[in-house]
Amino acid sequence: MMTIPRYLDLNRLVSELSAAGVSIQAVGTFLDTTGALVVHTYDANGNIVDLPAVAQKVIDAHTATPPPVEVPNILGIITALAQSTSLDQATKDRLTAALKGP
Protein backbone atom coordinates (compact mmCIF):
# COMPACT_ATOMS: atom_id res chain seq x y z
CA MET A 1 0.00 0.00 0.00
CA MET A 2 1.17 3.50 -0.73
CA THR A 3 0.64 6.57 1.41
CA ILE A 4 -0.34 9.70 -0.49
CA PRO A 5 -0.62 13.18 1.08
CA ARG A 6 -3.03 14.66 -1.48
CA TYR A 7 -6.29 14.30 -3.38
CA LEU A 8 -6.53 11.61 -6.06
CA ASP A 9 -9.00 11.18 -8.90
CA LEU A 10 -9.38 7.40 -8.62
CA ASN A 11 -11.03 6.86 -12.01
CA ARG A 12 -8.33 8.86 -13.74
CA LEU A 13 -5.63 7.09 -11.72
CA VAL A 14 -6.85 3.66 -12.87
CA SER A 15 -6.65 4.88 -16.48
CA GLU A 16 -3.15 6.26 -15.93
CA LEU A 17 -2.01 3.04 -14.28
CA SER A 18 -3.43 1.02 -17.17
CA ALA A 19 -1.69 3.26 -19.71
CA ALA A 20 1.58 2.66 -17.84
CA GLY A 21 1.09 -1.11 -18.08
CA VAL A 22 0.00 -1.65 -14.47
CA SER A 23 -2.75 -4.23 -14.68
CA ILE A 24 -5.39 -3.62 -12.00
CA GLN A 25 -9.17 -3.53 -12.01
CA ALA A 26 -9.69 -0.88 -9.36
CA VAL A 27 -8.01 1.18 -6.69
CA GLY A 28 -9.29 2.11 -3.29
CA THR A 29 -8.20 4.38 -0.48
CA PHE A 30 -8.48 4.69 3.25
CA LEU A 31 -7.03 6.96 5.91
CA ASP A 32 -4.39 5.36 8.11
CA THR A 33 -4.02 6.10 11.82
CA THR A 34 -1.97 9.24 11.05
CA GLY A 35 -4.62 10.59 8.68
CA ALA A 36 -2.56 9.90 5.55
CA LEU A 37 -4.35 8.62 2.46
CA VAL A 38 -3.39 5.03 1.64
CA VAL A 39 -3.92 3.75 -1.91
CA HIS A 40 -4.42 0.04 -2.61
CA THR A 41 -5.95 -2.37 -5.09
CA TYR A 42 -7.97 -5.55 -4.67
CA ASP A 43 -7.38 -9.20 -5.44
CA ALA A 44 -9.85 -11.49 -7.23
CA ASN A 45 -11.66 -12.14 -3.93
CA GLY A 46 -12.08 -8.44 -3.14
CA ASN A 47 -9.35 -8.36 -0.49
CA ILE A 48 -7.19 -5.27 -0.13
CA VAL A 49 -3.69 -5.79 -1.56
CA ASP A 50 -0.67 -3.61 -2.22
CA LEU A 51 -0.22 -1.94 -5.57
CA PRO A 52 2.79 -3.08 -7.59
CA ALA A 53 5.93 -1.00 -6.87
CA VAL A 54 5.85 0.44 -10.41
CA ALA A 55 2.58 2.17 -9.53
CA GLN A 56 4.43 4.62 -7.27
CA LYS A 57 5.85 6.54 -10.24
CA VAL A 58 2.40 6.82 -11.80
CA ILE A 59 0.89 8.02 -8.53
CA ASP A 60 3.71 10.52 -8.04
CA ALA A 61 3.03 11.96 -11.52
CA HIS A 62 -0.77 11.94 -11.07
CA THR A 63 -2.47 15.31 -10.92
CA ALA A 64 -6.14 15.40 -10.18
CA THR A 65 -8.64 18.18 -10.42
CA PRO A 66 -10.14 18.54 -6.96
CA PRO A 67 -13.84 17.81 -6.74
CA PRO A 68 -16.10 20.82 -7.13
CA VAL A 69 -16.95 22.53 -3.89
CA GLU A 70 -20.47 23.78 -3.48
CA VAL A 71 -20.40 27.40 -2.38
CA PRO A 72 -23.51 28.66 -0.65
CA ASN A 73 -25.24 31.79 -1.87
CA ILE A 74 -22.99 33.99 0.23
CA LEU A 75 -24.36 37.21 -1.25
CA GLY A 76 -27.88 36.24 -0.20
CA ILE A 77 -26.74 35.15 3.25
CA ILE A 78 -24.81 38.37 3.95
CA THR A 79 -27.57 40.55 2.51
CA ALA A 80 -30.15 38.86 4.70
CA LEU A 81 -27.89 39.20 7.71
CA ALA A 82 -27.27 42.89 6.98
CA GLN A 83 -31.00 43.54 6.61
CA SER A 84 -31.87 41.72 9.83
CA THR A 85 -29.34 43.38 12.14
CA SER A 86 -29.73 46.59 14.08
CA LEU A 87 -27.62 48.57 11.61
CA ASP A 88 -28.94 51.94 10.55
CA GLN A 89 -30.50 52.03 7.07
CA ALA A 90 -27.62 53.97 5.49
CA THR A 91 -25.12 51.29 6.64
CA LYS A 92 -27.39 48.49 5.39
CA ASP A 93 -27.67 50.21 2.01
CA ARG A 94 -23.86 50.65 1.75
CA LEU A 95 -23.26 47.01 2.68
CA THR A 96 -25.85 45.78 0.18
CA ALA A 97 -24.38 48.00 -2.56
CA ALA A 98 -20.85 46.79 -1.79
CA LEU A 99 -21.96 43.18 -2.04
CA LYS A 100 -23.53 43.78 -5.44
CA GLY A 101 -20.25 45.22 -6.75
CA PRO A 102 -19.71 47.68 -9.58
C-alpha atoms as a PDB file:
ATOM      1  CA  MET A   1       0.000   0.000   0.000  1.00  0.00           C
ATOM      2  CA  MET A   2       1.172   3.501  -0.730  1.00  0.00           C
ATOM      3  CA  THR A   3       0.640   6.565   1.414  1.00  0.00           C
ATOM      4  CA  ILE A   4      -0.340   9.703  -0.488  1.00  0.00           C
ATOM      5  CA  PRO A   5      -0.617  13.183   1.078  1.00  0.00           C
ATOM      6  CA  ARG A   6      -3.031  14.664  -1.483  1.00  0.00           C
ATOM      7  CA  TYR A   7      -6.295  14.302  -3.379  1.00  0.00           C
ATOM      8  CA  LEU A   8      -6.531  11.607  -6.058  1.00  0.00           C
ATOM      9  CA  ASP A   9      -9.000  11.179  -8.904  1.00  0.00           C
ATOM     10  CA  LEU A  10      -9.380   7.405  -8.623  1.00  0.00           C
ATOM     11  CA  ASN A  11     -11.032   6.856 -12.015  1.00  0.00           C
ATOM     12  CA  ARG A  12      -8.332   8.861 -13.737  1.00  0.00           C
ATOM     13  CA  LEU A  13      -5.635   7.093 -11.720  1.00  0.00           C
ATOM     14  CA  VAL A  14      -6.854   3.665 -12.867  1.00  0.00           C
ATOM     15  CA  SER A  15      -6.646   4.878 -16.481  1.00  0.00           C
ATOM     16  CA  GLU A  16      -3.153   6.260 -15.929  1.00  0.00           C
ATOM     17  CA  LEU A  17      -2.006   3.040 -14.278  1.00  0.00           C
ATOM     18  CA  SER A  18      -3.428   1.022 -17.166  1.00  0.00           C
ATOM     19  CA  ALA A  19      -1.687   3.260 -19.710  1.00  0.00           C
ATOM     20  CA  ALA A  20       1.580   2.658 -17.841  1.00  0.00           C
ATOM     21  CA  GLY A  21       1.088  -1.109 -18.082  1.00  0.00           C
ATOM     22  CA  VAL A  22      -0.002  -1.647 -14.473  1.00  0.00           C
ATOM     23  CA  SER A  23      -2.753  -4.233 -14.684  1.00  0.00           C
ATOM     24  CA  ILE A  24      -5.386  -3.624 -12.004  1.00  0.00           C
ATOM     25  CA  GLN A  25      -9.165  -3.530 -12.014  1.00  0.00           C
ATOM     26  CA  ALA A  26      -9.694  -0.876  -9.362  1.00  0.00           C
ATOM     27  CA  VAL A  27      -8.012   1.180  -6.687  1.00  0.00           C
ATOM     28  CA  GLY A  28      -9.292   2.112  -3.287  1.00  0.00           C
ATOM     29  CA  THR A  29      -8.205   4.383  -0.481  1.00  0.00           C
ATOM     30  CA  PHE A  30      -8.481   4.693   3.251  1.00  0.00           C
ATOM     31  CA  LEU A  31      -7.025   6.956   5.914  1.00  0.00           C
ATOM     32  CA  ASP A  32      -4.392   5.364   8.109  1.00  0.00           C
ATOM     33  CA  THR A  33      -4.020   6.103  11.819  1.00  0.00           C
ATOM     34  CA  THR A  34      -1.968   9.236  11.052  1.00  0.00           C
ATOM     35  CA  GLY A  35      -4.619  10.593   8.678  1.00  0.00           C
ATOM     36  CA  ALA A  36      -2.560   9.898   5.551  1.00  0.00           C
ATOM     37  CA  LEU A  37      -4.351   8.622   2.457  1.00  0.00           C
ATOM     38  CA  VAL A  38      -3.391   5.029   1.639  1.00  0.00           C
ATOM     39  CA  VAL A  39      -3.917   3.749  -1.912  1.00  0.00           C
ATOM     40  CA  HIS A  40      -4.416   0.037  -2.614  1.00  0.00           C
ATOM     41  CA  THR A  41      -5.952  -2.368  -5.089  1.00  0.00           C
ATOM     42  CA  TYR A  42      -7.972  -5.551  -4.668  1.00  0.00           C
ATOM     43  CA  ASP A  43      -7.377  -9.200  -5.439  1.00  0.00           C
ATOM     44  CA  ALA A  44      -9.854 -11.491  -7.230  1.00  0.00           C
ATOM     45  CA  ASN A  45     -11.661 -12.137  -3.927  1.00  0.00           C
ATOM     46  CA  GLY A  46     -12.078  -8.443  -3.136  1.00  0.00           C
ATOM     47  CA  ASN A  47      -9.353  -8.365  -0.487  1.00  0.00           C
ATOM     48  CA  ILE A  48      -7.186  -5.267  -0.130  1.00  0.00           C
ATOM     49  CA  VAL A  49      -3.691  -5.794  -1.564  1.00  0.00           C
ATOM     50  CA  ASP A  50      -0.670  -3.611  -2.224  1.00  0.00           C
ATOM     51  CA  LEU A  51      -0.216  -1.941  -5.567  1.00  0.00           C
ATOM     52  CA  PRO A  52       2.792  -3.078  -7.586  1.00  0.00           C
ATOM     53  CA  ALA A  53       5.930  -1.003  -6.870  1.00  0.00           C
ATOM     54  CA  VAL A  54       5.855   0.440 -10.408  1.00  0.00           C
ATOM     55  CA  ALA A  55       2.575   2.170  -9.532  1.00  0.00           C
ATOM     56  CA  GLN A  56       4.427   4.617  -7.274  1.00  0.00           C
ATOM     57  CA  LYS A  57       5.851   6.542 -10.241  1.00  0.00           C
ATOM     58  CA  VAL A  58       2.401   6.820 -11.802  1.00  0.00           C
ATOM     59  CA  ILE A  59       0.887   8.019  -8.532  1.00  0.00           C
ATOM     60  CA  ASP A  60       3.709  10.524  -8.037  1.00  0.00           C
ATOM     61  CA  ALA A  61       3.031  11.956 -11.523  1.00  0.00           C
ATOM     62  CA  HIS A  62      -0.767  11.940 -11.067  1.00  0.00           C
ATOM     63  CA  THR A  63      -2.468  15.310 -10.920  1.00  0.00           C
ATOM     64  CA  ALA A  64      -6.138  15.405 -10.184  1.00  0.00           C
ATOM     65  CA  THR A  65      -8.635  18.182 -10.420  1.00  0.00           C
ATOM     66  CA  PRO A  66     -10.136  18.544  -6.956  1.00  0.00           C
ATOM     67  CA  PRO A  67     -13.836  17.810  -6.744  1.00  0.00           C
ATOM     68  CA  PRO A  68     -16.102  20.815  -7.132  1.00  0.00           C
ATOM     69  CA  VAL A  69     -16.953  22.535  -3.889  1.00  0.00           C
ATOM     70  CA  GLU A  70     -20.472  23.776  -3.475  1.00  0.00           C
ATOM     71  CA  VAL A  71     -20.396  27.400  -2.376  1.00  0.00           C
ATOM     72  CA  PRO A  72     -23.513  28.664  -0.646  1.00  0.00           C
ATOM     73  CA  ASN A  73     -25.245  31.790  -1.869  1.00  0.00           C
ATOM     74  CA  ILE A  74     -22.989  33.993   0.227  1.00  0.00           C
ATOM     75  CA  LEU A  75     -24.362  37.205  -1.251  1.00  0.00           C
ATOM     76  CA  GLY A  76     -27.881  36.241  -0.197  1.00  0.00           C
ATOM     77  CA  ILE A  77     -26.735  35.154   3.248  1.00  0.00           C
ATOM     78  CA  ILE A  78     -24.808  38.369   3.947  1.00  0.00           C
ATOM     79  CA  THR A  79     -27.569  40.554   2.509  1.00  0.00           C
ATOM     80  CA  ALA A  80     -30.155  38.858   4.702  1.00  0.00           C
ATOM     81  CA  LEU A  81     -27.886  39.202   7.710  1.00  0.00           C
ATOM     82  CA  ALA A  82     -27.271  42.886   6.980  1.00  0.00           C
ATOM     83  CA  GLN A  83     -31.000  43.544   6.608  1.00  0.00           C
ATOM     84  CA  SER A  84     -31.874  41.721   9.827  1.00  0.00           C
ATOM     85  CA  THR A  85     -29.343  43.381  12.145  1.00  0.00           C
ATOM     86  CA  SER A  86     -29.726  46.588  14.082  1.00  0.00           C
ATOM     87  CA  LEU A  87     -27.616  48.575  11.614  1.00  0.00           C
ATOM     88  CA  ASP A  88     -28.939  51.938  10.554  1.00  0.00           C
ATOM     89  CA  GLN A  89     -30.500  52.030   7.071  1.00  0.00           C
ATOM     90  CA  ALA A  90     -27.615  53.966   5.490  1.00  0.00           C
ATOM     91  CA  THR A  91     -25.125  51.288   6.640  1.00  0.00           C
ATOM     92  CA  LYS A  92     -27.392  48.495   5.388  1.00  0.00           C
ATOM     93  CA  ASP A  93     -27.667  50.215   2.012  1.00  0.00           C
ATOM     94  CA  ARG A  94     -23.864  50.647   1.754  1.00  0.00           C
ATOM     95  CA  LEU A  95     -23.264  47.005   2.678  1.00  0.00           C
ATOM     96  CA  THR A  96     -25.851  45.779   0.178  1.00  0.00           C
ATOM     97  CA  ALA A  97     -24.380  47.995  -2.560  1.00  0.00           C
ATOM     98  CA  ALA A  98     -20.847  46.793  -1.790  1.00  0.00           C
ATOM     99  CA  LEU A  99     -21.959  43.184  -2.041  1.00  0.00           C
ATOM    100  CA  LYS A 100     -23.526  43.780  -5.444  1.00  0.00           C
ATOM    101  CA  GLY A 101     -20.251  45.217  -6.746  1.00  0.00           C
ATOM    102  CA  PRO A 102     -19.710  47.679  -9.585  1.00  0.00           C
END
